[in-house]
Amino acid sequence: MYPFFVDGERIFSFSYKPSKGVVKDDDTGKWYEITKAPEGRNRKVYGKRTINLDGTYWQTM
């Protein structure tokens, strides 16, 4: 498990090794940006709260 922290508070845990990007907490509906992905033996993931991206139009490049 990879615990996800925002401002020192544990928000949830990933069951897979995440990389940089944005994620959504399905339980609360809040979006977060991963600022520091796990490296080496470190399993902690750090991030910050972002704006609501539910209404965003996603277009592949």
Protein backbone atom coordinates (compact mmCIF):
# COMPACT_ATOMS: atom_id res chain seq x y z
CA MET A 1 0.00 0.00 0.00
CA TYR A 2 1.10 3.55 -0.76
CA PRO A 3 -0.36 6.07 1.73
CA PHE A 4 -1.27 9.48 0.25
CA PHE A 5 -0.65 12.59 2.39
CA VAL A 6 -1.86 16.19 1.97
CA ASP A 7 -0.62 18.78 4.49
CA GLY A 8 0.57 16.01 6.83
CA GLU A 9 -2.85 14.29 6.88
CA ARG A 10 -3.34 10.82 5.43
CA ILE A 11 -6.13 10.99 2.86
CA PHE A 12 -6.23 7.46 1.44
CA SER A 13 -3.91 4.70 0.19
CA PHE A 14 -3.06 3.55 -3.31
CA SER A 15 -3.01 -0.18 -4.01
CA TYR A 16 -0.52 0.45 -6.84
CA LYS A 17 2.63 2.56 -7.22
CA PRO A 18 1.40 5.95 -8.48
CA SER A 19 3.30 8.41 -10.66
CA LYS A 20 2.87 12.18 -11.01
CA GLY A 21 -0.51 13.45 -12.17
CA VAL A 22 -3.97 14.05 -10.77
CA VAL A 23 -6.20 11.58 -8.93
CA LYS A 24 -9.73 11.64 -7.60
CA ASP A 25 -10.83 10.31 -4.23
CA ASP A 26 -13.91 8.26 -5.13
CA ASP A 27 -15.27 8.43 -1.57
CA THR A 28 -15.28 12.23 -1.27
CA GLY A 29 -15.18 13.31 -4.92
CA LYS A 30 -12.19 15.60 -4.28
CA TRP A 31 -9.32 15.93 -6.77
CA TYR A 32 -5.64 15.92 -5.78
CA GLU A 33 -2.35 16.49 -7.61
CA ILE A 34 0.54 14.16 -6.80
CA THR A 35 3.57 16.34 -6.05
CA LYS A 36 6.01 13.68 -4.87
CA ALA A 37 5.76 10.09 -6.04
CA PRO A 38 7.44 7.26 -4.12
CA GLU A 39 11.11 6.62 -4.88
CA GLY A 40 13.21 3.66 -3.83
CA ARG A 41 12.00 2.06 -0.61
CA ASN A 42 9.90 5.09 0.34
CA ARG A 43 6.20 4.27 0.01
CA LYS A 44 4.70 7.64 1.01
CA VAL A 45 3.00 9.74 -1.67
CA TYR A 46 2.55 13.49 -1.21
CA GLY A 47 0.15 15.84 -2.92
CA LYS A 48 -2.05 18.91 -2.78
CA ARG A 49 -5.72 19.67 -3.32
CA THR A 50 -6.71 20.89 -6.80
CA ILE A 51 -9.79 22.35 -8.40
CA ASN A 52 -12.79 20.21 -9.31
CA LEU A 53 -11.99 18.55 -12.65
CA ASP A 54 -15.30 16.71 -13.14
CA GLY A 55 -16.62 19.18 -15.73
CA THR A 56 -13.35 19.33 -17.69
CA TYR A 57 -13.35 18.32 -21.34
CA TRP A 58 -10.55 15.77 -21.77
CA GLN A 59 -8.95 15.61 -25.18
CA THR A 60 -6.16 13.25 -26.19
CA MET A 61 -3.09 14.79 -27.77
